[in-house]
Amino acid sequence: DGRTFYEDFAKGRFTISRDNAKKMVYLQMNSLVPEDTTKY
């Protein structure tokens, strides 16, 4: 039903959302730092 939970490193910077009609989920990432470099 769209409630989100985040690990500490993601709080305030990352946002997860979903569109059930499109069968899609998204991860919006802001204020990125080099430590975010990896495979998602």
Full PDB file with SEQRES, HELIX, SHEET, SSBOND, CRYST1, ORIGX, SCALE, CONECT and MASTER records, all heavy atoms in Angstrom:
SEQRES   1 A   40  ASP GLY ARG THR PHE TYR GLU ASP PHE ALA LYS GLY ARG          
SEQRES   2 A   40  PHE THR ILE SER ARG ASP ASN ALA LYS LYS MET VAL TYR          
SEQRES   3 A   40  LEU GLN MET ASN SER LEU VAL PRO GLU ASP THR THR LYS          
SEQRES   4 A   40  TYR                                                          
HELIX    1 AA1 ASP A    8  ALA A   10  5                                   3    
HELIX    2 AA2 PRO A   34  ASP A   36  5                                   3    
SHEET    1 AA1 2 PHE A  14  ASP A  19  0                                        
SHEET    2 AA1 2 MET A  24  MET A  29 -1                                        
CRYST1    1.000    1.000    1.000  90.00  90.00  90.00 P 1           1          
ORIGX1      1.000000  0.000000  0.000000        0.00000                         
ORIGX2      0.000000  1.000000  0.000000        0.00000                         
ORIGX3      0.000000  0.000000  1.000000        0.00000                         
SCALE1      1.000000  0.000000  0.000000        0.00000                         
SCALE2      0.000000  1.000000  0.000000        0.00000                         
SCALE3      0.000000  0.000000  1.000000        0.00000                         
ATOM      1  N   ASP A   1       0.811  -1.214   0.000  1.00  0.00           N  
ATOM      2  CA  ASP A   1       0.000   0.000   0.000  1.00  0.00           C  
ATOM      3  C   ASP A   1       0.849   1.271   0.000  1.00  0.00           C  
ATOM      4  O   ASP A   1       0.347   2.358   0.300  1.00  0.00           O  
ATOM      5  CB  ASP A   1      -0.976   0.009   1.172  1.00  0.00           C  
ATOM      6  CG  ASP A   1      -0.304  -0.104   2.519  1.00  0.00           C  
ATOM      7  OD1 ASP A   1       0.923  -0.279   2.565  1.00  0.00           O  
ATOM      8  OD2 ASP A   1      -1.008  -0.010   3.537  1.00  0.00           O  
ATOM      9  N   GLY A   2       2.134   1.138  -0.327  1.00  0.00           N  
ATOM     10  CA  GLY A   2       2.955   2.309  -0.553  1.00  0.00           C  
ATOM     11  C   GLY A   2       3.741   2.846   0.623  1.00  0.00           C  
ATOM     12  O   GLY A   2       4.381   3.902   0.506  1.00  0.00           O  
ATOM     13  N   ARG A   3       3.720   2.174   1.754  1.00  0.00           N  
ATOM     14  CA  ARG A   3       4.541   2.605   2.882  1.00  0.00           C  
ATOM     15  C   ARG A   3       5.991   2.206   2.648  1.00  0.00           C  
ATOM     16  O   ARG A   3       6.270   1.118   2.167  1.00  0.00           O  
ATOM     17  CB  ARG A   3       4.037   1.991   4.186  1.00  0.00           C  
ATOM     18  CG  ARG A   3       2.706   2.569   4.663  1.00  0.00           C  
ATOM     19  CD  ARG A   3       2.187   1.792   5.858  1.00  0.00           C  
ATOM     20  NE  ARG A   3       1.787   0.454   5.478  1.00  0.00           N  
ATOM     21  CZ  ARG A   3       1.847  -0.611   6.274  1.00  0.00           C  
ATOM     22  NH1 ARG A   3       2.302  -0.481   7.513  1.00  0.00           N  
ATOM     23  NH2 ARG A   3       1.445  -1.788   5.830  1.00  0.00           N  
ATOM     24  N   THR A   4       6.919   3.085   2.994  1.00  0.00           N  
ATOM     25  CA  THR A   4       8.330   2.842   2.733  1.00  0.00           C  
ATOM     26  C   THR A   4       9.151   2.756   4.001  1.00  0.00           C  
ATOM     27  O   THR A   4       8.824   3.365   5.029  1.00  0.00           O  
ATOM     28  CB  THR A   4       8.909   3.942   1.833  1.00  0.00           C  
ATOM     29  OG1 THR A   4       8.632   5.227   2.409  1.00  0.00           O  
ATOM     30  CG2 THR A   4       8.304   3.862   0.445  1.00  0.00           C  
ATOM     31  N   PHE A   5      10.239   2.015   3.916  1.00  0.00           N  
ATOM     32  CA  PHE A   5      11.184   1.841   5.006  1.00  0.00           C  
ATOM     33  C   PHE A   5      12.584   1.914   4.416  1.00  0.00           C  
ATOM     34  O   PHE A   5      12.856   1.319   3.377  1.00  0.00           O  
ATOM     35  CB  PHE A   5      10.971   0.495   5.698  1.00  0.00           C  
ATOM     36  CG  PHE A   5       9.584   0.305   6.223  1.00  0.00           C  
ATOM     37  CD1 PHE A   5       8.587  -0.210   5.408  1.00  0.00           C  
ATOM     38  CD2 PHE A   5       9.270   0.653   7.521  1.00  0.00           C  
ATOM     39  CE1 PHE A   5       7.297  -0.382   5.884  1.00  0.00           C  
ATOM     40  CE2 PHE A   5       7.983   0.486   8.013  1.00  0.00           C  
ATOM     41  CZ  PHE A   5       6.994  -0.031   7.188  1.00  0.00           C  
ATOM     42  N   TYR A   6      13.480   2.632   5.084  1.00  0.00           N  
ATOM     43  CA  TYR A   6      14.817   2.851   4.567  1.00  0.00           C  
ATOM     44  C   TYR A   6      15.886   2.549   5.593  1.00  0.00           C  
ATOM     45  O   TYR A   6      15.698   2.753   6.793  1.00  0.00           O  
ATOM     46  CB  TYR A   6      14.998   4.315   4.125  1.00  0.00           C  
ATOM     47  CG  TYR A   6      14.009   4.781   3.096  1.00  0.00           C  
ATOM     48  CD1 TYR A   6      12.864   5.483   3.470  1.00  0.00           C  
ATOM     49  CD2 TYR A   6      14.222   4.531   1.748  1.00  0.00           C  
ATOM     50  CE1 TYR A   6      11.954   5.917   2.527  1.00  0.00           C  
ATOM     51  CE2 TYR A   6      13.321   4.966   0.794  1.00  0.00           C  
ATOM     52  CZ  TYR A   6      12.183   5.661   1.187  1.00  0.00           C  
ATOM     53  OH  TYR A   6      11.286   6.095   0.245  1.00  0.00           O  
ATOM     54  N   GLU A   7      17.018   2.065   5.093  1.00  0.00           N  
ATOM     55  CA  GLU A   7      18.200   1.982   5.929  1.00  0.00           C  
ATOM     56  C   GLU A   7      18.710   3.391   6.191  1.00  0.00           C  
ATOM     57  O   GLU A   7      18.408   4.329   5.444  1.00  0.00           O  
ATOM     58  CB  GLU A   7      19.262   1.135   5.252  1.00  0.00           C  
ATOM     59  CG  GLU A   7      18.882  -0.332   5.118  1.00  0.00           C  
ATOM     60  CD  GLU A   7      18.647  -0.997   6.461  1.00  0.00           C  
ATOM     61  OE1 GLU A   7      19.563  -0.940   7.310  1.00  0.00           O  
ATOM     62  OE2 GLU A   7      17.553  -1.569   6.661  1.00  0.00           O  
ATOM     63  N   ASP A   8      19.500   3.547   7.243  1.00  0.00           N  
ATOM     64  CA  ASP A   8      19.932   4.874   7.671  1.00  0.00           C  
ATOM     65  C   ASP A   8      20.658   5.656   6.581  1.00  0.00           C  
ATOM     66  O   ASP A   8      20.452   6.867   6.439  1.00  0.00           O  
ATOM     67  CB  ASP A   8      20.814   4.767   8.914  1.00  0.00           C  
ATOM     68  CG  ASP A   8      20.025   4.442  10.166  1.00  0.00           C  
ATOM     69  OD1 ASP A   8      18.789   4.602  10.155  1.00  0.00           O  
ATOM     70  OD2 ASP A   8      20.648   4.040  11.161  1.00  0.00           O  
ATOM     71  N   PHE A   9      21.503   4.998   5.815  1.00  0.00           N  
ATOM     72  CA  PHE A   9      22.281   5.717   4.812  1.00  0.00           C  
ATOM     73  C   PHE A   9      21.410   6.313   3.718  1.00  0.00           C  
ATOM     74  O   PHE A   9      21.823   7.244   3.032  1.00  0.00           O  
ATOM     75  CB  PHE A   9      23.352   4.808   4.194  1.00  0.00           C  
ATOM     76  CG  PHE A   9      22.814   3.762   3.254  1.00  0.00           C  
ATOM     77  CD1 PHE A   9      22.586   4.066   1.918  1.00  0.00           C  
ATOM     78  CD2 PHE A   9      22.546   2.485   3.698  1.00  0.00           C  
ATOM     79  CE1 PHE A   9      22.097   3.118   1.041  1.00  0.00           C  
ATOM     80  CE2 PHE A   9      22.052   1.524   2.832  1.00  0.00           C  
ATOM     81  CZ  PHE A   9      21.827   1.843   1.505  1.00  0.00           C  
ATOM     82  N   ALA A  10      20.191   5.771   3.553  1.00  0.00           N  
ATOM     83  CA  ALA A  10      19.303   6.231   2.493  1.00  0.00           C  
ATOM     84  C   ALA A  10      18.294   7.281   2.954  1.00  0.00           C  
ATOM     85  O   ALA A  10      17.731   8.006   2.117  1.00  0.00           O  
ATOM     86  CB  ALA A  10      18.555   5.039   1.894  1.00  0.00           C  
ATOM     87  N   LYS A  11      18.072   7.376   4.238  1.00  0.00           N  
ATOM     88  CA  LYS A  11      17.067   8.293   4.763  1.00  0.00           C  
ATOM     89  C   LYS A  11      17.395   9.742   4.421  1.00  0.00           C  
ATOM     90  O   LYS A  11      18.507  10.210   4.627  1.00  0.00           O  
ATOM     91  CB  LYS A  11      16.946   8.135   6.278  1.00  0.00           C  
ATOM     92  CG  LYS A  11      16.359   6.803   6.714  1.00  0.00           C  
ATOM     93  CD  LYS A  11      16.293   6.709   8.230  1.00  0.00           C  
ATOM     94  CE  LYS A  11      15.707   5.376   8.668  1.00  0.00           C  
ATOM     95  NZ  LYS A  11      15.702   5.233  10.145  1.00  0.00           N  
ATOM     96  N   GLY A  12      16.404  10.439   3.875  1.00  0.00           N  
ATOM     97  CA  GLY A  12      16.584  11.839   3.528  1.00  0.00           C  
ATOM     98  C   GLY A  12      17.180  12.072   2.164  1.00  0.00           C  
ATOM     99  O   GLY A  12      17.166  13.204   1.669  1.00  0.00           O  
ATOM    100  N   ARG A  13      17.719  11.035   1.536  1.00  0.00           N  
ATOM    101  CA  ARG A  13      18.318  11.165   0.214  1.00  0.00           C  
ATOM    102  C   ARG A  13      17.618  10.324  -0.848  1.00  0.00           C  
ATOM    103  O   ARG A  13      17.508  10.745  -1.994  1.00  0.00           O  
ATOM    104  CB  ARG A  13      19.798  10.771   0.245  1.00  0.00           C  
ATOM    105  CG  ARG A  13      20.668  11.650   1.113  1.00  0.00           C  
ATOM    106  CD  ARG A  13      22.140  11.394   0.829  1.00  0.00           C  
ATOM    107  NE  ARG A  13      22.519  10.008   1.097  1.00  0.00           N  
ATOM    108  CZ  ARG A  13      23.203   9.237   0.245  1.00  0.00           C  
ATOM    109  NH1 ARG A  13      23.576   9.717  -0.937  1.00  0.00           N  
ATOM    110  NH2 ARG A  13      23.524   7.994   0.573  1.00  0.00           N  
ATOM    111  N   PHE A  14      17.164   9.135  -0.468  1.00  0.00           N  
ATOM    112  CA  PHE A  14      16.555   8.207  -1.414  1.00  0.00           C  
ATOM    113  C   PHE A  14      15.055   8.086  -1.156  1.00  0.00           C  
ATOM    114  O   PHE A  14      14.605   8.154  -0.007  1.00  0.00           O  
ATOM    115  CB  PHE A  14      17.176   6.817  -1.285  1.00  0.00           C  
ATOM    116  CG  PHE A  14      18.632   6.729  -1.677  1.00  0.00           C  
ATOM    117  CD1 PHE A  14      19.344   7.837  -2.106  1.00  0.00           C  
ATOM    118  CD2 PHE A  14      19.290   5.510  -1.613  1.00  0.00           C  
ATOM    119  CE1 PHE A  14      20.680   7.747  -2.467  1.00  0.00           C  
ATOM    120  CE2 PHE A  14      20.622   5.403  -1.973  1.00  0.00           C  
ATOM    121  CZ  PHE A  14      21.318   6.518  -2.401  1.00  0.00           C  
ATOM    122  N   THR A  15      14.291   7.876  -2.227  1.00  0.00           N  
ATOM    123  CA  THR A  15      12.851   7.703  -2.117  1.00  0.00           C  
ATOM    124  C   THR A  15      12.395   6.555  -3.013  1.00  0.00           C  
ATOM    125  O   THR A  15      12.695   6.539  -4.207  1.00  0.00           O  
ATOM    126  CB  THR A  15      12.092   8.977  -2.522  1.00  0.00           C  
ATOM    127  OG1 THR A  15      12.514  10.079  -1.714  1.00  0.00           O  
ATOM    128  CG2 THR A  15      10.586   8.781  -2.337  1.00  0.00           C  
ATOM    129  N   ILE A  16      11.682   5.613  -2.430  1.00  0.00           N  
ATOM    130  CA  ILE A  16      11.121   4.489  -3.185  1.00  0.00           C  
ATOM    131  C   ILE A  16       9.638   4.751  -3.436  1.00  0.00           C  
ATOM    132  O   ILE A  16       8.922   5.198  -2.542  1.00  0.00           O  
ATOM    133  CB  ILE A  16      11.304   3.163  -2.421  1.00  0.00           C  
ATOM    134  CG1 ILE A  16      12.793   2.872  -2.215  1.00  0.00           C  
ATOM    135  CG2 ILE A  16      10.631   2.008  -3.159  1.00  0.00           C  
ATOM    136  CD1 ILE A  16      13.061   1.682  -1.313  1.00  0.00           C  
ATOM    137  N   SER A  17       9.196   4.467  -4.644  1.00  0.00           N  
ATOM    138  CA  SER A  17       7.786   4.600  -4.984  1.00  0.00           C  
ATOM    139  C   SER A  17       7.386   3.447  -5.895  1.00  0.00           C  
ATOM    140  O   SER A  17       8.242   2.729  -6.411  1.00  0.00           O  
ATOM    141  CB  SER A  17       7.509   5.945  -5.661  1.00  0.00           C  
ATOM    142  OG  SER A  17       8.255   6.075  -6.855  1.00  0.00           O  
ATOM    143  N   ARG A  18       6.085   3.270  -6.070  1.00  0.00           N  
ATOM    144  CA  ARG A  18       5.613   2.214  -6.962  1.00  0.00           C  
ATOM    145  C   ARG A  18       4.373   2.655  -7.702  1.00  0.00           C  
ATOM    146  O   ARG A  18       3.608   3.501  -7.230  1.00  0.00           O  
ATOM    147  CB  ARG A  18       5.344   0.907  -6.191  1.00  0.00           C  
ATOM    148  CG  ARG A  18       4.163   0.954  -5.231  1.00  0.00           C  
ATOM    149  CD  ARG A  18       4.122  -0.305  -4.363  1.00  0.00           C  
ATOM    150  NE  ARG A  18       3.869  -1.502  -5.148  1.00  0.00           N  
ATOM    151  CZ  ARG A  18       4.108  -2.740  -4.724  1.00  0.00           C  
ATOM    152  NH1 ARG A  18       4.642  -2.936  -3.511  1.00  0.00           N  
ATOM    153  NH2 ARG A  18       3.841  -3.783  -5.498  1.00  0.00           N  
ATOM    154  N   ASP A  19       4.186   2.074  -8.877  1.00  0.00           N  
ATOM    155  CA  ASP A  19       3.018   2.313  -9.703  1.00  0.00           C  
ATOM    156  C   ASP A  19       2.454   0.943 -10.038  1.00  0.00           C  
ATOM    157  O   ASP A  19       2.954   0.252 -10.924  1.00  0.00           O  
ATOM    158  CB  ASP A  19       3.398   3.080 -10.970  1.00  0.00           C  
ATOM    159  CG  ASP A  19       2.199   3.480 -11.805  1.00  0.00           C  
ATOM    160  OD1 ASP A  19       1.166   2.782 -11.760  1.00  0.00           O  
ATOM    161  OD2 ASP A  19       2.284   4.491 -12.516  1.00  0.00           O  
ATOM    162  N   ASN A  20       1.433   0.537  -9.316  1.00  0.00           N  
ATOM    163  CA  ASN A  20       0.894  -0.808  -9.488  1.00  0.00           C  
ATOM    164  C   ASN A  20       0.255  -1.017 -10.861  1.00  0.00           C  
ATOM    165  O   ASN A  20       0.297  -2.117 -11.409  1.00  0.00           O  
ATOM    166  CB  ASN A  20      -0.120  -1.112  -8.389  1.00  0.00           C  
ATOM    167  CG  ASN A  20       0.538  -1.342  -7.043  1.00  0.00           C  
ATOM    168  OD1 ASN A  20       1.720  -1.671  -6.966  1.00  0.00           O  
ATOM    169  ND2 ASN A  20      -0.220  -1.164  -5.972  1.00  0.00           N  
ATOM    170  N   ALA A  21      -0.335   0.024 -11.413  1.00  0.00           N  
ATOM    171  CA  ALA A  21      -0.951  -0.092 -12.731  1.00  0.00           C  
ATOM    172  C   ALA A  21       0.095  -0.399 -13.794  1.00  0.00           C  
ATOM    173  O   ALA A  21      -0.173  -1.134 -14.747  1.00  0.00           O  
ATOM    174  CB  ALA A  21      -1.710   1.178 -13.079  1.00  0.00           C  
ATOM    175  N   LYS A  22       1.295   0.170 -13.641  1.00  0.00           N  
ATOM    176  CA  LYS A  22       2.376  -0.047 -14.591  1.00  0.00           C  
ATOM    177  C   LYS A  22       3.294  -1.193 -14.189  1.00  0.00           C  
ATOM    178  O   LYS A  22       4.204  -1.542 -14.938  1.00  0.00           O  
ATOM    179  CB  LYS A  22       3.202   1.222 -14.756  1.00  0.00           C  
ATOM    180  CG  LYS A  22       2.441   2.390 -15.351  1.00  0.00           C  
ATOM    181  CD  LYS A  22       3.348   3.607 -15.488  1.00  0.00           C  
ATOM    182  CE  LYS A  22       2.616   4.768 -16.112  1.00  0.00           C  
ATOM    183  NZ  LYS A  22       3.492   5.969 -16.226  1.00  0.00           N  
ATOM    184  N   LYS A  23       3.079  -1.765 -13.012  1.00  0.00           N  
ATOM    185  CA  LYS A  23       3.937  -2.819 -12.472  1.00  0.00           C  
ATOM    186  C   LYS A  23       5.386  -2.359 -12.418  1.00  0.00           C  
ATOM    187  O   LYS A  23       6.299  -3.047 -12.867  1.00  0.00           O  
ATOM    188  CB  LYS A  23       3.797  -4.101 -13.293  1.00  0.00           C  
ATOM    189  CG  LYS A  23       2.396  -4.688 -13.277  1.00  0.00           C  
ATOM    190  CD  LYS A  23       2.329  -5.976 -14.085  1.00  0.00           C  
ATOM    191  CE  LYS A  23       0.932  -6.559 -14.062  1.00  0.00           C  
ATOM    192  NZ  LYS A  23       0.857  -7.823 -14.843  1.00  0.00           N  
ATOM    193  N   MET A  24       5.575  -1.179 -11.851  1.00  0.00           N  
ATOM    194  CA  MET A  24       6.895  -0.563 -11.767  1.00  0.00           C  
ATOM    195  C   MET A  24       7.188  -0.123 -10.340  1.00  0.00           C  
ATOM    196  O   MET A  24       6.286   0.271  -9.598  1.00  0.00           O  
ATOM    197  CB  MET A  24       6.987   0.656 -12.677  1.00  0.00           C  
ATOM    198  CG  MET A  24       6.804   0.366 -14.156  1.00  0.00           C  
ATOM    199  SD  MET A  24       8.273  -0.390 -14.893  1.00  0.00           S  
ATOM    200  CE  MET A  24       9.404   0.999 -14.859  1.00  0.00           C  
ATOM    201  N   VAL A  25       8.453  -0.181  -9.972  1.00  0.00           N  
ATOM    202  CA  VAL A  25       8.924   0.381  -8.725  1.00  0.00           C  
ATOM    203  C   VAL A  25      10.135   1.247  -9.047  1.00  0.00           C  
ATOM    204  O   VAL A  25      10.914   0.916  -9.947  1.00  0.00           O  
ATOM    205  CB  VAL A  25       9.245  -0.715  -7.691  1.00  0.00           C  
ATOM    206  CG1 VAL A  25      10.350  -1.632  -8.186  1.00  0.00           C  
ATOM    207  CG2 VAL A  25       9.608  -0.102  -6.353  1.00  0.00           C  
ATOM    208  N   TYR A  26      10.295   2.351  -8.309  1.00  0.00           N  
ATOM    209  CA  TYR A  26      11.336   3.322  -8.612  1.00  0.00           C  
ATOM    210  C   TYR A  26      12.188   3.614  -7.389  1.00  0.00           C  
ATOM    211  O   TYR A  26      11.738   3.496  -6.255  1.00  0.00           O  
ATOM    212  CB  TYR A  26      10.723   4.632  -9.108  1.00  0.00           C  
ATOM    213  CG  TYR A  26       9.763   4.461 -10.254  1.00  0.00           C  
ATOM    214  CD1 TYR A  26       8.390   4.381 -10.028  1.00  0.00           C  
ATOM    215  CD2 TYR A  26      10.222   4.376 -11.560  1.00  0.00           C  
ATOM    216  CE1 TYR A  26       7.505   4.227 -11.076  1.00  0.00           C  
ATOM    217  CE2 TYR A  26       9.347   4.214 -12.619  1.00  0.00           C  
ATOM    218  CZ  TYR A  26       7.982   4.140 -12.375  1.00  0.00           C  
ATOM    219  OH  TYR A  26       7.109   3.981 -13.423  1.00  0.00           O  
ATOM    220  N   LEU A  27      13.412   4.017  -7.655  1.00  0.00           N  
ATOM    221  CA  LEU A  27      14.312   4.477  -6.606  1.00  0.00           C  
ATOM    222  C   LEU A  27      14.882   5.817  -7.036  1.00  0.00           C  
ATOM    223  O   LEU A  27      15.726   5.878  -7.930  1.00  0.00           O  
ATOM    224  CB  LEU A  27      15.434   3.474  -6.363  1.00  0.00           C  
ATOM    225  CG  LEU A  27      16.496   3.890  -5.338  1.00  0.00           C  
ATOM    226  CD1 LEU A  27      15.875   4.073  -3.958  1.00  0.00           C  
ATOM    227  CD2 LEU A  27      17.628   2.868  -5.283  1.00  0.00           C  
ATOM    228  N   GLN A  28      14.402   6.885  -6.420  1.00  0.00           N  
ATOM    229  CA  GLN A  28      14.918   8.224  -6.675  1.00  0.00           C  
ATOM    230  C   GLN A  28      16.080   8.480  -5.730  1.00  0.00           C  
ATOM    231  O   GLN A  28      15.917   8.404  -4.511  1.00  0.00           O  
ATOM    232  CB  GLN A  28      13.826   9.272  -6.467  1.00  0.00           C  
ATOM    233  CG  GLN A  28      14.288  10.707  -6.646  1.00  0.00           C  
ATOM    234  CD  GLN A  28      14.654  11.041  -8.065  1.00  0.00           C  
ATOM    235  OE1 GLN A  28      13.911  10.694  -8.986  1.00  0.00           O  
ATOM    236  NE2 GLN A  28      15.783  11.687  -8.269  1.00  0.00           N  
ATOM    237  N   MET A  29      17.243   8.797  -6.277  1.00  0.00           N  
ATOM    238  CA  MET A  29      18.437   9.017  -5.482  1.00  0.00           C  
ATOM    239  C   MET A  29      18.918  10.452  -5.673  1.00  0.00           C  
ATOM    240  O   MET A  29      19.198  10.875  -6.790  1.00  0.00           O  
ATOM    241  CB  MET A  29      19.536   8.030  -5.878  1.00  0.00           C  
ATOM    242  CG  MET A  29      19.117   6.575  -5.753  1.00  0.00           C  
ATOM    243  SD  MET A  29      20.476   5.417  -6.093  1.00  0.00           S  
ATOM    244  CE  MET A  29      20.713   5.743  -7.849  1.00  0.00           C  
ATOM    245  N   ASN A  30      19.002  11.183  -4.574  1.00  0.00           N  
ATOM    246  CA  ASN A  30      19.464  12.562  -4.589  1.00  0.00           C  
ATOM    247  C   ASN A  30      20.706  12.711  -3.719  1.00  0.00           C  
ATOM    248  O   ASN A  30      21.011  11.850  -2.900  1.00  0.00           O  
ATOM    249  CB  ASN A  30      18.369  13.507  -4.084  1.00  0.00           C  
ATOM    250  CG  ASN A  30      17.114  13.463  -4.913  1.00  0.00           C  
ATOM    251  OD1 ASN A  30      17.166  13.305  -6.131  1.00  0.00           O  
ATOM    252  ND2 ASN A  30      15.962  13.622  -4.269  1.00  0.00           N  
ATOM    253  N   SER A  31      21.399  13.819  -3.888  1.00  0.00           N  
ATOM    254  CA  SER A  31      22.595  14.114  -3.094  1.00  0.00           C  
ATOM    255  C   SER A  31      23.568  12.948  -3.087  1.00  0.00           C  
ATOM    256  O   SER A  31      24.098  12.555  -2.046  1.00  0.00           O  
ATOM    257  CB  SER A  31      22.193  14.490  -1.664  1.00  0.00           C  
ATOM    258  OG  SER A  31      21.324  15.603  -1.650  1.00  0.00           O  
ATOM    259  N   LEU A  32      23.826  12.411  -4.249  1.00  0.00           N  
ATOM    260  CA  LEU A  32      24.668  11.225  -4.362  1.00  0.00           C  
ATOM    261  C   LEU A  32      26.121  11.525  -4.003  1.00  0.00           C  
ATOM    262  O   LEU A  32      26.637  12.611  -4.273  1.00  0.00           O  
ATOM    263  CB  LEU A  32      24.581  10.660  -5.771  1.00  0.00           C  
ATOM    264  CG  LEU A  32      23.257   9.957  -6.095  1.00  0.00           C  
ATOM    265  CD1 LEU A  32      23.077   9.811  -7.598  1.00  0.00           C  
ATOM    266  CD2 LEU A  32      23.210   8.590  -5.412  1.00  0.00           C  
ATOM    267  N   VAL A  33      26.752  10.541  -3.382  1.00  0.00           N  
ATOM    268  CA  VAL A  33      28.149  10.634  -2.989  1.00  0.00           C  
ATOM    269  C   VAL A  33      28.898   9.443  -3.573  1.00  0.00           C  
ATOM    270  O   VAL A  33      28.285   8.435  -3.934  1.00  0.00           O  
ATOM    271  CB  VAL A  33      28.306  10.670  -1.452  1.00  0.00           C  
ATOM    272  CG1 VAL A  33      27.684  11.940  -0.891  1.00  0.00           C  
ATOM    273  CG2 VAL A  33      27.662   9.443  -0.817  1.00  0.00           C  
ATOM    274  N   PRO A  34      30.224   9.518  -3.687  1.00  0.00           N  
ATOM    275  CA  PRO A  34      30.982   8.413  -4.278  1.00  0.00           C  
ATOM    276  C   PRO A  34      30.735   7.065  -3.606  1.00  0.00           C  
ATOM    277  O   PRO A  34      30.815   6.028  -4.272  1.00  0.00           O  
ATOM    278  CB  PRO A  34      32.434   8.862  -4.114  1.00  0.00           C  
ATOM    279  CG  PRO A  34      32.354  10.347  -4.178  1.00  0.00           C  
ATOM    280  CD  PRO A  34      31.092  10.690  -3.446  1.00  0.00           C  
ATOM    281  N   GLU A  35      30.431   7.067  -2.322  1.00  0.00           N  
ATOM    282  CA  GLU A  35      30.160   5.825  -1.603  1.00  0.00           C  
ATOM    283  C   GLU A  35      28.897   5.121  -2.087  1.00  0.00           C  
ATOM    284  O   GLU A  35      28.679   3.951  -1.772  1.00  0.00           O  
ATOM    285  CB  GLU A  35      30.061   6.089  -0.103  1.00  0.00           C  
ATOM    286  CG  GLU A  35      31.391   6.464   0.558  1.00  0.00           C  
ATOM    287  CD  GLU A  35      31.854   7.872   0.216  1.00  0.00           C  
ATOM    288  OE1 GLU A  35      31.018   8.714  -0.164  1.00  0.00           O  
ATOM    289  OE2 GLU A  35      33.066   8.134   0.340  1.00  0.00           O  
ATOM    290  N   ASP A  36      28.058   5.807  -2.850  1.00  0.00           N  
ATOM    291  CA  ASP A  36      26.863   5.198  -3.416  1.00  0.00           C  
ATOM    292  C   ASP A  36      27.172   4.390  -4.665  1.00  0.00           C  
ATOM    293  O   ASP A  36      26.278   3.748  -5.224  1.00  0.00           O  
ATOM    294  CB  ASP A  36      25.820   6.263  -3.763  1.00  0.00           C  
ATOM    295  CG  ASP A  36      25.289   6.988  -2.542  1.00  0.00           C  
ATOM    296  OD1 ASP A  36      25.062   6.335  -1.504  1.00  0.00           O  
ATOM    297  OD2 ASP A  36      25.096   8.222  -2.626  1.00  0.00           O  
ATOM    298  N   THR A  37      28.401   4.424  -5.125  1.00  0.00           N  
ATOM    299  CA  THR A  37      28.803   3.705  -6.330  1.00  0.00           C  
ATOM    300  C   THR A  37      28.743   2.202  -6.104  1.00  0.00           C  
ATOM    301  O   THR A  37      29.460   1.658  -5.261  1.00  0.00           O  
ATOM    302  CB  THR A  37      30.223   4.107  -6.746  1.00  0.00           C  
ATOM    303  OG1 THR A  37      30.244   5.493  -7.097  1.00  0.00           O  
ATOM    304  CG2 THR A  37      30.687   3.287  -7.946  1.00  0.00           C  
ATOM    305  N   THR A  38      27.880   1.550  -6.866  1.00  0.00           N  
ATOM    306  CA  THR A  38      27.720   0.098  -6.785  1.00  0.00           C  
ATOM    307  C   THR A  38      26.591  -0.315  -7.718  1.00  0.00           C  
ATOM    308  O   THR A  38      25.990   0.504  -8.402  1.00  0.00           O  
ATOM    309  CB  THR A  38      27.418  -0.352  -5.337  1.00  0.00           C  
ATOM    310  OG1 THR A  38      27.484  -1.787  -5.260  1.00  0.00           O  
ATOM    311  CG2 THR A  38      26.039   0.106  -4.894  1.00  0.00           C  
ATOM    312  N   LYS A  39      26.322  -1.602  -7.738  1.00  0.00           N  
ATOM    313  CA  LYS A  39      25.215  -2.136  -8.508  1.00  0.00           C  
ATOM    314  C   LYS A  39      23.965  -2.156  -7.635  1.00  0.00           C  
ATOM    315  O   LYS A  39      24.004  -2.575  -6.477  1.00  0.00           O  
ATOM    316  CB  LYS A  39      25.541  -3.552  -8.997  1.00  0.00           C  
ATOM    317  CG  LYS A  39      24.467  -4.168  -9.870  1.00  0.00           C  
ATOM    318  CD  LYS A  39      24.933  -5.478 -10.498  1.00  0.00           C  
ATOM    319  CE  LYS A  39      25.144  -6.542  -9.445  1.00  0.00           C  
ATOM    320  NZ  LYS A  39      25.517  -7.855 -10.056  1.00  0.00           N  
ATOM    321  N   TYR A  40      22.844  -1.710  -8.202  1.00  0.00           N  
ATOM    322  CA  TYR A  40      21.585  -1.664  -7.478  1.00  0.00           C  
ATOM    323  C   TYR A  40      20.630  -2.699  -8.059  1.00  0.00           C  
ATOM    324  O   TYR A  40      20.460  -2.789  -9.277  1.00  0.00           O  
ATOM    325  CB  TYR A  40      20.968  -0.265  -7.554  1.00  0.00           C  
ATOM    326  CG  TYR A  40      21.693   0.731  -6.688  1.00  0.00           C  
ATOM    327  CD1 TYR A  40      22.929   1.240  -7.078  1.00  0.00           C  
ATOM    328  CD2 TYR A  40      21.163   1.144  -5.469  1.00  0.00           C  
ATOM    329  CE1 TYR A  40      23.619   2.129  -6.269  1.00  0.00           C  
ATOM    330  CE2 TYR A  40      21.846   2.034  -4.657  1.00  0.00           C  
ATOM    331  CZ  TYR A  40      23.075   2.525  -5.059  1.00  0.00           C  
ATOM    332  OH  TYR A  40      23.752   3.407  -4.252  1.00  0.00           O  
TER     333      TYR A  40                                                      
MASTER        0    0    0    2    2    0    0    6  332    1    0    4          
END                                                                             
